[in-house]
Structures are given as structure tokens and as C-alpha cells.
Protein backbone atom coordinates (compact mmCIF):
# COMPACT_ATOMS: atom_id res chain seq x y z
CA MET A 1 -40.09 -28.73 9.85
CA SER A 2 -39.17 -29.75 6.29
CA ARG A 3 -37.12 -27.40 4.18
CA SER A 4 -38.84 -25.43 1.41
CA VAL A 5 -37.74 -26.43 -2.07
CA ARG A 6 -35.71 -23.93 -4.05
CA VAL A 7 -33.69 -25.07 -7.06
CA ARG A 8 -31.57 -23.19 -9.55
CA PHE A 9 -30.61 -23.36 -13.19
CA ALA A 10 -27.25 -21.67 -13.60
CA PRO A 11 -26.17 -21.26 -17.24
CA SER A 12 -23.14 -19.28 -18.32
CA PRO A 13 -24.00 -16.66 -20.98
CA THR A 14 -21.08 -17.77 -23.14
CA GLY A 15 -23.16 -19.65 -25.72
CA LYS A 16 -26.64 -20.81 -26.64
CA LEU A 17 -28.80 -23.18 -24.63
CA HIS A 18 -28.91 -26.69 -26.07
CA VAL A 19 -30.89 -29.85 -25.29
CA GLY A 20 -28.38 -31.03 -22.67
CA ASN A 21 -28.56 -28.05 -20.37
CA VAL A 22 -32.26 -27.43 -21.09
CA ARG A 23 -32.99 -30.96 -19.88
CA ALA A 24 -31.34 -30.03 -16.58
CA ALA A 25 -33.33 -26.78 -16.47
CA LEU A 26 -36.56 -28.65 -17.17
CA TRP A 27 -35.99 -31.28 -14.47
CA ASN A 28 -35.20 -28.58 -11.92
CA TRP A 29 -38.32 -26.66 -12.94
CA LEU A 30 -40.57 -29.74 -12.82
CA PHE A 31 -39.28 -30.69 -9.37
CA ALA A 32 -39.84 -27.15 -8.08
CA ARG A 33 -43.37 -26.94 -9.44
CA LYS A 34 -44.36 -30.41 -8.18
CA SER A 35 -42.95 -29.58 -4.73
CA GLY A 36 -44.62 -26.18 -4.54
CA GLY A 37 -41.16 -24.63 -4.46
CA GLU A 38 -39.23 -21.98 -6.35
CA PHE A 39 -37.15 -22.05 -9.52
CA MET A 40 -34.21 -19.66 -9.66
CA LEU A 41 -32.41 -18.53 -12.80
CA ARG A 42 -28.83 -17.70 -11.87
CA ILE A 43 -26.65 -16.22 -14.59
CA ASP A 44 -23.10 -17.49 -14.01
CA ASP A 45 -21.26 -14.65 -15.73
CA THR A 46 -18.00 -14.60 -13.79
CA ASP A 47 -16.14 -15.01 -17.10
CA GLN A 48 -16.33 -11.36 -18.11
CA VAL A 49 -14.42 -11.96 -21.35
CA ARG A 50 -16.69 -14.63 -22.86
CA SER A 51 -20.02 -13.68 -21.29
CA THR A 52 -22.27 -11.46 -23.40
CA LYS A 53 -25.60 -9.74 -22.90
CA GLU A 54 -26.73 -11.21 -26.21
CA PHE A 55 -26.29 -14.76 -24.93
CA GLU A 56 -27.94 -13.80 -21.62
CA ALA A 57 -30.96 -12.40 -23.47
CA GLY A 58 -31.08 -15.62 -25.51
CA ILE A 59 -31.21 -17.70 -22.32
CA HIS A 60 -34.18 -15.70 -21.03
CA HIS A 61 -35.95 -15.95 -24.39
CA ASP A 62 -35.41 -19.70 -24.72
CA LEU A 63 -36.70 -20.47 -21.21
CA GLU A 64 -39.73 -18.22 -21.69
CA TRP A 65 -40.49 -19.88 -25.04
CA LEU A 66 -40.32 -23.32 -23.39
CA GLY A 67 -42.66 -22.16 -20.62
CA LEU A 68 -40.04 -22.46 -17.86
CA ASN A 69 -40.75 -19.30 -15.92
CA HIS A 70 -38.48 -18.41 -13.00
CA ASP A 71 -39.43 -17.05 -9.59
CA LEU A 72 -36.20 -15.18 -8.85
CA THR A 73 -32.98 -14.39 -10.62
CA ALA A 74 -29.44 -13.23 -9.91
CA SER A 75 -26.20 -12.56 -11.76
CA GLN A 76 -22.85 -13.57 -10.34
CA SER A 77 -21.15 -10.54 -11.87
CA SER A 78 -22.96 -8.37 -9.29
CA ARG A 79 -21.55 -10.38 -6.35
CA PHE A 80 -17.78 -10.18 -6.75
CA GLY A 81 -17.50 -8.26 -3.47
CA VAL A 82 -19.17 -11.18 -1.64
CA TYR A 83 -16.81 -13.69 -3.25
CA ASP A 84 -13.76 -11.57 -2.35
CA GLU A 85 -14.81 -11.46 1.30
CA VAL A 86 -15.30 -15.22 1.49
CA ALA A 87 -12.01 -15.89 -0.32
CA ASP A 88 -10.19 -13.84 2.33
CA GLN A 89 -11.89 -15.82 5.07
CA LEU A 90 -10.80 -19.10 3.47
CA ARG A 91 -7.22 -17.82 3.22
CA SER A 92 -7.27 -16.89 6.89
CA ALA A 93 -8.53 -20.36 7.75
CA GLY A 94 -5.69 -21.96 5.80
CA LEU A 95 -8.10 -23.56 3.33
CA LEU A 96 -7.21 -21.43 0.30
CA TYR A 97 -3.54 -21.49 -0.59
CA ALA A 98 -1.39 -19.86 -3.24
CA CYS A 99 0.28 -21.89 -6.01
CA TYR A 100 2.79 -20.40 -8.44
CA GLU A 101 3.27 -23.16 -11.00
CA THR A 102 2.72 -22.19 -14.62
CA ALA A 103 0.40 -24.18 -16.86
CA GLU A 104 3.45 -25.71 -18.55
CA GLU A 105 4.96 -26.78 -15.23
CA LEU A 106 1.70 -28.37 -14.12
CA ASP A 107 1.45 -30.21 -17.43
CA ARG A 108 4.98 -31.61 -17.01
CA LYS A 109 4.10 -32.81 -13.51
CA ARG A 110 1.04 -34.65 -14.80
CA LYS A 111 3.03 -36.31 -17.58
CA LEU A 112 5.65 -37.51 -15.11
CA GLN A 113 2.96 -38.93 -12.83
CA ARG A 114 1.35 -40.80 -15.71
CA ALA A 115 4.74 -42.14 -16.79
CA ARG A 116 5.12 -43.59 -13.28
CA SER A 117 1.58 -45.03 -13.40
CA LEU A 118 0.46 -42.54 -10.76
CA PRO A 119 -2.82 -40.62 -10.85
CA PRO A 120 -2.32 -37.03 -12.09
CA VAL A 121 -3.23 -35.44 -8.76
CA TYR A 122 -1.68 -32.13 -7.70
CA ASP A 123 1.21 -32.72 -5.29
CA ARG A 124 0.38 -29.76 -3.01
CA ALA A 125 3.72 -28.14 -3.63
CA GLY A 126 2.04 -24.79 -2.92
CA LEU A 127 1.70 -25.73 0.74
CA GLY A 128 5.45 -26.09 1.17
CA TYR A 129 6.94 -22.98 -0.46
CA SER A 130 9.70 -21.28 1.49
CA GLU A 131 9.74 -17.51 1.88
CA GLU A 132 12.69 -17.40 -0.53
CA GLU A 133 10.78 -19.36 -3.17
CA ILE A 134 7.77 -17.06 -2.87
CA LYS A 135 10.01 -13.99 -3.20
CA ALA A 136 11.63 -15.51 -6.27
CA PHE A 137 8.25 -16.23 -7.87
CA LYS A 138 7.12 -12.66 -7.26
CA ALA A 139 10.39 -11.31 -8.61
CA GLU A 140 9.72 -13.21 -11.83
CA GLY A 141 6.36 -11.45 -12.02
CA ARG A 142 4.38 -14.61 -11.33
CA LYS A 143 0.91 -14.25 -9.86
CA PRO A 144 -0.54 -17.15 -7.87
CA HIS A 145 -3.61 -19.19 -8.57
CA TRP A 146 -5.48 -20.29 -5.46
CA ARG A 147 -6.45 -23.85 -4.53
CA PHE A 148 -8.84 -25.17 -1.92
CA LYS A 149 -7.28 -27.62 0.54
CA LEU A 150 -9.32 -30.81 0.51
CA SER A 151 -9.53 -33.14 3.50
CA GLN A 152 -8.35 -36.12 1.41
CA THR A 153 -10.96 -38.34 3.04
CA PRO A 154 -14.07 -40.12 1.69
CA VAL A 155 -17.03 -37.81 1.16
CA LYS A 156 -20.42 -39.49 1.40
CA TRP A 157 -23.90 -38.28 0.52
CA HIS A 158 -27.31 -39.70 -0.34
CA ASP A 159 -27.96 -38.85 -3.96
CA LEU A 160 -31.65 -38.66 -4.85
CA ILE A 161 -30.99 -40.59 -8.08
CA ARG A 162 -27.76 -42.53 -7.52
CA GLY A 163 -28.44 -43.47 -3.91
CA GLU A 164 -25.52 -43.71 -1.46
CA THR A 165 -22.48 -42.16 -3.15
CA VAL A 166 -18.87 -41.99 -1.99
CA VAL A 167 -15.94 -40.12 -3.52
CA ASP A 168 -12.51 -40.13 -1.86
CA THR A 169 -11.06 -36.64 -2.25
CA ALA A 170 -7.58 -38.12 -1.81
CA SER A 171 -7.95 -39.13 -5.47
CA VAL A 172 -8.78 -35.57 -6.57
CA SER A 173 -6.51 -32.56 -7.03
CA ASP A 174 -7.13 -29.63 -4.72
CA PRO A 175 -9.37 -27.53 -7.00
CA VAL A 176 -8.32 -24.16 -8.35
CA LEU A 177 -10.91 -21.67 -7.13
CA ILE A 178 -9.25 -18.47 -8.37
CA ARG A 179 -7.07 -18.17 -11.46
CA ALA A 180 -3.82 -16.24 -11.58
CA ASP A 181 -5.60 -13.38 -13.36
CA GLY A 182 -8.05 -13.13 -10.45
CA GLN A 183 -11.02 -14.72 -12.22
CA TYR A 184 -13.21 -16.91 -10.07
CA LEU A 185 -13.82 -20.37 -11.45
CA TYR A 186 -17.19 -22.08 -11.07
CA THR A 187 -16.86 -23.79 -7.70
CA LEU A 188 -16.49 -21.00 -5.16
CA PRO A 189 -19.12 -18.54 -6.47
CA SER A 190 -21.55 -21.41 -7.03
CA CYS A 191 -21.18 -22.76 -3.50
CA ILE A 192 -21.48 -19.29 -1.96
CA ASP A 193 -24.59 -18.54 -3.99
CA ASP A 194 -26.21 -21.88 -3.21
CA LEU A 195 -25.87 -21.11 0.49
CA ASP A 196 -26.77 -17.42 0.30
CA PHE A 197 -29.86 -18.06 -1.83
CA ASP A 198 -30.86 -21.08 0.27
CA ILE A 199 -30.83 -23.56 -2.62
CA SER A 200 -32.34 -26.77 -1.25
CA HIS A 201 -31.49 -29.15 -4.11
CA VAL A 202 -28.92 -29.21 -6.90
CA ILE A 203 -30.10 -31.31 -9.84
CA ARG A 204 -27.52 -31.76 -12.58
CA GLY A 205 -25.68 -34.21 -14.81
CA GLU A 206 -23.76 -37.26 -13.65
CA ASP A 207 -20.53 -35.72 -14.98
CA HIS A 208 -20.56 -33.50 -11.86
CA VAL A 209 -20.39 -36.33 -9.30
CA THR A 210 -16.70 -35.83 -8.49
CA ASN A 211 -17.23 -32.07 -8.44
CA THR A 212 -19.97 -32.59 -5.88
CA ALA A 213 -17.59 -34.29 -3.46
CA VAL A 214 -15.27 -31.29 -3.75
CA GLN A 215 -18.14 -28.85 -3.36
CA ILE A 216 -19.48 -30.62 -0.29
CA GLU A 217 -16.14 -29.92 1.41
CA VAL A 218 -16.35 -26.28 0.29
CA PHE A 219 -19.94 -26.12 1.59
CA GLN A 220 -18.84 -27.50 4.94
CA ALA A 221 -16.12 -24.85 5.22
CA LEU A 222 -18.46 -22.04 4.19
CA ALA A 223 -21.26 -23.18 6.50
CA LYS A 224 -18.94 -22.64 9.47
CA MET A 225 -18.43 -19.05 8.34
CA ARG A 226 -22.07 -18.38 7.45
CA LYS A 227 -24.05 -19.40 10.51
CA GLY A 228 -27.36 -21.04 9.68
CA ALA A 229 -26.38 -21.84 6.10
CA VAL A 230 -27.56 -25.31 5.02
CA PRO A 231 -25.93 -27.11 2.07
CA PRO A 232 -28.25 -28.49 -0.62
CA GLU A 233 -29.15 -32.08 -1.37
CA PHE A 234 -27.97 -33.52 -4.70
CA ALA A 235 -29.45 -35.47 -7.60
CA HIS A 236 -27.23 -36.45 -10.53
CA HIS A 237 -29.12 -37.49 -13.64
CA SER A 238 -27.92 -39.45 -16.65
CA LEU A 239 -26.31 -37.67 -19.58
CA LEU A 240 -27.65 -37.45 -23.12
CA ILE A 241 -26.02 -39.21 -26.04
CA GLY A 242 -26.94 -39.27 -29.71
CA ALA A 243 -29.08 -41.90 -31.38
CA ASP A 244 -25.81 -43.45 -32.61
CA GLY A 245 -24.52 -43.82 -29.05
CA GLU A 246 -21.97 -41.05 -29.45
CA GLY A 247 -21.76 -37.87 -27.39
CA LEU A 248 -23.63 -34.75 -28.45
CA SER A 249 -20.77 -32.28 -28.07
CA LYS A 250 -19.97 -32.03 -31.79
CA ARG A 251 -23.61 -31.43 -32.70
CA LEU A 252 -24.63 -28.87 -30.11
CA GLY A 253 -24.95 -26.07 -32.67
CA SER A 254 -27.81 -27.83 -34.43
CA LEU A 255 -29.25 -28.90 -31.08
CA SER A 256 -29.53 -25.41 -29.65
CA ILE A 257 -33.02 -24.34 -28.64
CA GLU A 258 -32.73 -21.37 -30.98
CA ALA A 259 -31.97 -23.68 -33.93
CA MET A 260 -34.91 -25.93 -33.04
CA ARG A 261 -37.24 -22.94 -32.80
CA ASP A 262 -36.01 -21.65 -36.17
CA ASP A 263 -36.57 -25.14 -37.60
CA GLY A 264 -40.25 -24.87 -36.71
CA LEU A 265 -40.36 -27.22 -33.74
CA GLU A 266 -42.93 -26.72 -30.99
CA PRO A 267 -41.72 -26.01 -27.44
CA GLN A 268 -44.10 -28.69 -26.15
CA ALA A 269 -42.38 -31.32 -28.30
CA ILE A 270 -39.02 -30.46 -26.76
CA THR A 271 -40.32 -30.51 -23.18
CA SER A 272 -42.34 -33.71 -23.78
CA LEU A 273 -39.23 -35.53 -24.97
CA LEU A 274 -36.64 -34.14 -22.55
CA ALA A 275 -38.87 -34.67 -19.51
CA LYS A 276 -38.96 -38.43 -20.09
CA LEU A 277 -35.57 -39.28 -21.62
CA GLY A 278 -33.66 -41.34 -19.08
CA THR A 279 -36.76 -42.29 -17.09
CA ALA A 280 -38.94 -45.39 -16.90
CA ASP A 281 -41.89 -43.50 -18.39
CA PRO A 282 -42.80 -43.65 -22.09
CA VAL A 283 -42.41 -40.50 -24.15
CA THR A 284 -45.80 -39.09 -25.08
CA ALA A 285 -46.82 -35.82 -26.70
CA GLN A 286 -48.04 -33.39 -24.04
CA ASN A 287 -49.47 -30.04 -25.09
CA GLN A 288 -49.25 -28.76 -21.50
CA LEU A 289 -46.56 -28.89 -18.83
CA ARG A 290 -48.96 -29.95 -16.07
CA PRO A 291 -48.85 -33.72 -16.88
CA LEU A 292 -45.05 -33.54 -16.91
CA ILE A 293 -45.08 -31.89 -13.49
CA GLU A 294 -47.40 -34.53 -12.06
CA GLY A 295 -45.30 -37.37 -13.49
CA PHE A 296 -41.93 -36.12 -12.25
CA ASP A 297 -40.33 -38.61 -9.86
CA PHE A 298 -36.66 -39.23 -9.03
CA SER A 299 -37.41 -42.91 -8.45
CA LYS A 300 -38.18 -43.32 -12.17
CA MET A 301 -34.80 -42.06 -13.31
CA GLY A 302 -32.17 -44.47 -14.58
CA ARG A 303 -28.39 -44.30 -14.54
CA ALA A 304 -27.69 -45.31 -18.15
CA PRO A 305 -27.05 -42.57 -20.73
CA ALA A 306 -30.26 -41.46 -22.43
CA ARG A 307 -30.42 -41.45 -26.23
CA PHE A 308 -31.56 -38.24 -27.85
CA ASP A 309 -32.88 -38.87 -31.37
CA ASN A 310 -33.78 -35.81 -33.41
CA GLU A 311 -36.09 -37.91 -35.57
CA GLU A 312 -38.05 -38.89 -32.48
CA LEU A 313 -38.39 -35.20 -31.65
CA ILE A 314 -39.70 -34.40 -35.13
CA THR A 315 -42.21 -37.27 -34.95
CA LEU A 316 -43.37 -36.04 -31.54
CA ASN A 317 -43.69 -32.55 -32.97
CA GLY A 318 -45.96 -33.89 -35.69
CA LYS A 319 -48.17 -35.68 -33.17
CA LEU A 320 -48.73 -32.41 -31.32
CA LEU A 321 -49.65 -30.60 -34.53
CA HIS A 322 -52.02 -33.36 -35.62
CA GLU A 323 -54.25 -32.58 -32.63
CA LYS A 324 -53.81 -28.82 -32.51
CA PRO A 325 -57.02 -26.82 -33.09
CA TYR A 326 -56.91 -23.93 -35.52
CA ALA A 327 -57.49 -21.35 -32.79
CA GLU A 328 -54.12 -22.25 -31.25
CA ILE A 329 -52.22 -22.04 -34.52
CA ALA A 330 -54.04 -19.33 -36.52
CA SER A 331 -51.55 -16.56 -35.72
CA ARG A 332 -48.77 -18.65 -37.25
CA VAL A 333 -50.71 -20.13 -40.19
CA GLU A 334 -52.47 -17.00 -41.45
CA PRO A 335 -49.26 -15.02 -42.10
CA LEU A 336 -48.22 -17.86 -44.41
CA GLY A 337 -51.46 -17.48 -46.36
CA GLY A 338 -53.30 -20.39 -44.77
CA ASN A 339 -56.78 -20.69 -43.31
CA GLU A 340 -58.79 -23.04 -41.11
CA ASP A 341 -59.99 -25.26 -43.94
CA LEU A 342 -56.42 -25.79 -45.13
CA TRP A 343 -55.16 -26.44 -41.59
CA LEU A 344 -57.81 -29.05 -40.87
CA ALA A 345 -57.08 -30.70 -44.21
CA ILE A 346 -53.31 -31.00 -43.80
CA ARG A 347 -52.48 -31.04 -40.07
CA ALA A 348 -52.42 -34.85 -39.88
CA ASN A 349 -49.70 -34.92 -42.55
CA ILE A 350 -47.21 -32.32 -41.37
CA ASN A 351 -44.39 -32.36 -38.82
CA ARG A 352 -43.74 -28.62 -38.67
CA VAL A 353 -45.90 -25.52 -39.02
CA SER A 354 -43.55 -24.41 -41.79
CA ASP A 355 -44.85 -27.39 -43.83
CA VAL A 356 -48.10 -25.44 -44.22
CA LYS A 357 -46.38 -23.27 -46.84
CA THR A 358 -45.85 -26.31 -49.07
CA TRP A 359 -49.58 -27.02 -49.13
CA ILE A 360 -50.49 -23.38 -49.63
CA ASP A 361 -48.33 -23.47 -52.75
CA ILE A 362 -49.96 -26.73 -53.88
CA VAL A 363 -53.55 -25.55 -53.54
CA SER A 364 -53.07 -21.89 -54.48
CA GLY A 365 -49.87 -21.65 -56.48
CA GLU A 366 -48.52 -23.28 -59.59
CA ILE A 367 -47.27 -26.86 -59.74
CA LYS A 368 -46.12 -29.18 -62.47
CA PRO A 369 -48.55 -32.12 -62.55
CA LEU A 370 -47.14 -35.64 -62.47
CA ILE A 371 -48.80 -37.28 -65.47
CA GLU A 372 -48.01 -40.90 -66.30
CA ASP A 373 -51.08 -41.71 -68.40
CA GLY A 374 -52.23 -38.65 -70.28
CA GLU A 375 -55.28 -40.34 -71.75
CA PHE A 376 -56.52 -41.31 -68.28
CA THR A 377 -56.13 -37.83 -66.80
CA GLN A 378 -57.70 -36.18 -69.86
CA GLN A 379 -60.75 -38.37 -69.32
CA ALA A 380 -60.69 -37.52 -65.61
CA ALA A 381 -60.68 -33.80 -66.44
CA GLN A 382 -64.05 -34.25 -68.09
CA CYS A 383 -65.45 -35.63 -64.83
CA VAL A 384 -64.68 -32.63 -62.59
CA PRO A 385 -68.08 -31.50 -61.19
CA GLU A 386 -69.62 -28.23 -62.30
CA GLY A 387 -69.59 -25.20 -60.03
CA ALA A 388 -67.66 -24.62 -56.82
CA LEU A 389 -66.10 -27.73 -55.34
CA ASN A 390 -66.94 -28.74 -51.76
CA ALA A 391 -66.39 -31.61 -49.32
CA GLU A 392 -68.65 -33.96 -51.29
CA SER A 393 -67.17 -33.17 -54.70
CA TRP A 394 -64.26 -35.62 -54.45
CA GLY A 395 -66.50 -38.65 -53.95
CA VAL A 396 -68.68 -37.66 -56.90
CA PHE A 397 -65.62 -37.01 -59.06
CA VAL A 398 -63.88 -40.31 -58.25
CA ALA A 399 -67.04 -42.29 -58.88
CA ASP A 400 -67.46 -40.70 -62.30
CA VAL A 401 -63.78 -41.30 -63.21
CA LYS A 402 -64.08 -44.93 -62.13
CA GLU A 403 -67.18 -45.41 -64.26
CA LYS A 404 -65.65 -43.61 -67.25
CA THR A 405 -62.22 -45.35 -67.20
CA GLY A 406 -62.80 -48.61 -65.37
CA ALA A 407 -59.83 -47.85 -63.10
CA LYS A 408 -60.02 -48.76 -59.43
CA GLY A 409 -57.88 -48.95 -56.27
CA LYS A 410 -54.44 -47.39 -56.48
CA HIS A 411 -54.70 -47.30 -60.27
CA LEU A 412 -57.57 -44.88 -59.80
CA PHE A 413 -56.46 -42.78 -56.84
CA MET A 414 -52.70 -42.47 -57.35
CA PRO A 415 -52.76 -40.94 -60.86
CA LEU A 416 -55.35 -38.42 -59.68
CA ARG A 417 -53.29 -37.45 -56.61
CA LYS A 418 -50.10 -37.06 -58.67
CA ALA A 419 -51.80 -34.95 -61.30
CA LEU A 420 -53.61 -32.70 -58.82
CA THR A 421 -50.82 -32.20 -56.23
CA GLY A 422 -47.60 -33.17 -57.97
CA LEU A 423 -46.96 -35.61 -55.13
CA SER A 424 -47.49 -39.32 -54.53
CA HIS A 425 -48.44 -38.84 -50.88
CA GLY A 426 -50.28 -36.38 -48.69
CA PRO A 427 -53.54 -35.66 -46.88
CA GLU A 428 -56.94 -37.03 -47.78
CA MET A 429 -57.80 -35.70 -51.20
CA GLY A 430 -61.39 -34.64 -50.52
CA PRO A 431 -60.61 -31.37 -48.70
CA ILE A 432 -57.55 -30.73 -50.88
CA PHE A 433 -59.61 -31.17 -54.08
CA ALA A 434 -62.11 -28.57 -52.82
CA LEU A 435 -59.30 -26.13 -51.93
CA ILE A 436 -57.63 -26.52 -55.33
CA GLY A 437 -60.87 -25.57 -57.08
CA ARG A 438 -62.46 -26.57 -60.36
CA ASP A 439 -60.39 -24.54 -62.83
CA LYS A 440 -57.01 -25.58 -61.41
CA ALA A 441 -58.12 -29.20 -61.10
CA ILE A 442 -59.10 -29.36 -64.78
CA ALA A 443 -55.93 -27.63 -65.92
CA ARG A 444 -53.69 -29.96 -63.90
CA LEU A 445 -55.50 -33.08 -65.11
CA GLN A 446 -54.88 -31.80 -68.61
CA GLY A 447 -51.17 -31.59 -67.83
CA GLN A 448 -50.93 -27.82 -67.60
CA VAL A 449 -48.73 -26.03 -65.03
CA SER A 450 -51.35 -24.43 -62.84
């Protein structure tokens, strides 16, 4: 019988979600939904100093806004008793051992190893302390940090993206699982939770490959203690880089989901882009998540870093808006002072909903006309049709101006656009002309601020 799919997204509430970790969340969610499985949100808040409820609330809000609903949730801060029990079992099994080196002493060891052209791997001095040395450390007031004893053998697994993967743990330092101040680091709580919550697959970035080898050994040790526990399968996806080929770490503030939402981007633009970056599929604007679910496939995922280009995101955002019916956008347009006629007139020329305000100001507010040939626009003012302007008025108006002035092509249309909108570009002028209205149109053609 095949195992039911259950995946997890496990952010730490020590900062805001950004495109890098949301891409991991999205791929986990898509895999779960395509497989008929479950998506778990696990809050990794073992760092009680840096974790905040504000950041945790932000995580929930961002995922809800993106449409990534979760089926179950848990917080690591409520499970310290479980972690303590397992840590004691690992100590009893001789797999968790105390180390008393200070950070400075460990740094000196690494520097000496590098000077001798040796890899900076921990020398396992903690396994050989004498009773006298331990007493001396305690007399100094030192508290130990605790390391997991690796097998120092090759660890192999079939990665759902990378294929057959091997990491020799002899080339890796025994990982610190518990700091000297008693704080659990990521590895032990994560492995315990993955087993206890029956996580079937761990989907995450390629920067975790070496960590996975370590965690597989931890899983193997824990599975012996927790009868029936089954370790997850792994899939390591490519990392994101900027359009310039550089890492994103220095720009994560502007790439937070909160910042993108505040900038007026649509959640569907973000999911449409992140779902396909690093895959063989083209990026297309999807107003729903269902096509992204149906198209999710590990076999399409490449190993090369995927380029995230904010300009591509903005363009994609515009494509979504260009097709969006007024009924879907009314609650966001009307508070700005817009209406359906305005939306239908301008939607093909905006990239963000916030751009609507610019066109509200153009058709309803005051602008300074761009007049290059005052005689031409004065003549054009005399051609504005009588009465209320409508969809047909622009054609009538342009024909009369052409007949009156002899202008044609861009020499006809561009001066009219500049005078009426103050811009050299924008939507089709027919609907805009009707929205501006007769009085404003005449005043602007006459060069008046109106």
C-alpha cells in the first residue's frame, strides 16, 4: 500500500516571508494538492528570543493571501518536552555527546586545519574527554553544547529531483543539535516532527543537500526509538538568483511577500511565476491555482539556479489585470474613485491596480495639458461635439479635426492625446475622451489646467 502524501512548510517566525521560501511553500502545496495529500504549516519557533507572534501572524496572512491553505498546523515551541525526551534517549545510546569548546576555540581549530590544507571538520575531541577535563570545564562554569555522532560513511538516497545522491558524512562535522544555552537548533526538532507528524516528503532548496545526509542518519537513529516511524523522501530544488545572476540575500526586504502586496502586485502573478521558475515549462499568467497544480511535475525541474526577475513579475501582473473582469476588481477600484467604464478603458495599459488612481486623476482631476502647437489645439477645441460625449464621440471629433486642420497620422493623434491627458502614451482615446467630458476636453485643448 502506497504511503499517503503529507508535506510541510516550516518557516521560522523571525522575519517576513520572501520569494525564496514562498517558492518552497508553493511547490510543497502544489505537490500535496496534485497527490490528494495534506499540506502542513509548521512554525519552527524554537528560537524564543528572535521569534515573534507578529512575524507568525504575517506568515499566516501571506500564505492565506497567496491561496496556500494548510490542512494542519503545529508550533515547535509547544513540543520542547518531546525534544527533551528524545535528546535523553540519544545520550543514552551514545549518539549525542557533550562538547565544551568555546566558539573562539572552535574557530582557532578551523583556522589551523585550513592552514594545513585540511577540511574544517570537527575533530571529535568531545568523545575523548577525561573525567578530570570534564570537572575542570565545569569548574570554569562552562556548559556543553551537544553534537550528534555521525557514522562517517556514505549516505545514499534517491532524490526526486537530483536522482541518486551520495554524501559522505566523514566530510561533515558532527552537527550541533543543542547549544550550550540549551536551545535546540533546527535539525533535531525538525527530524522528530517529521517522524511524529508522518511527513512523507521534504521538498526544499538544494542548499540543504548536505544537511539531508546528516538528517537521514538522525532519522535512522530516531526510527529505532520510535517504532513504526518512516523517514520522508526528499526533493531538492534549484535556488533562486537575481536577474543579474547574483544571489537574492541582499534584496530580500524588497522581495518579501508583504512588500509585493503593498506594491500592488496580485497573488496570482507571484504564484504563476514561482511555480514555473526552474522548470521546463514556460511562465504564463494563471488566474487560478488549478492549472499550476495539474502541471506540477518533479521531472520538469532543472538543477541550474533559476533567475527571478522583478520586471518579469510586474509584466505578468499586468497580463493578469488586462483580462480581469470588473466584478473581480470592483472592491479595490471603487474605493479609489473608479468605475466599470474607467476599468474597461484602462486595464490593458496598467501593471498594478494602484495605477487606476493615475487615470482617475487624469479623467476627473486637474492636469496641465501638453501643448506643442497652440493654434492646432485651439482649432481642435472648436471640433469637440455638442452634448455629452460617448463611445462614438472620439471618431466624430478626430474626423472633424482632420478636416479642419489637414493633420493626419501621429501629427493628428499625438497632439490631441498630449493635450487631453498630459501624456504621450496610454489607453485608446475613445473611452478616455468620453470619461473626460466635453467641458474638460475643451478647456485642456485651449491650454487651461483642468
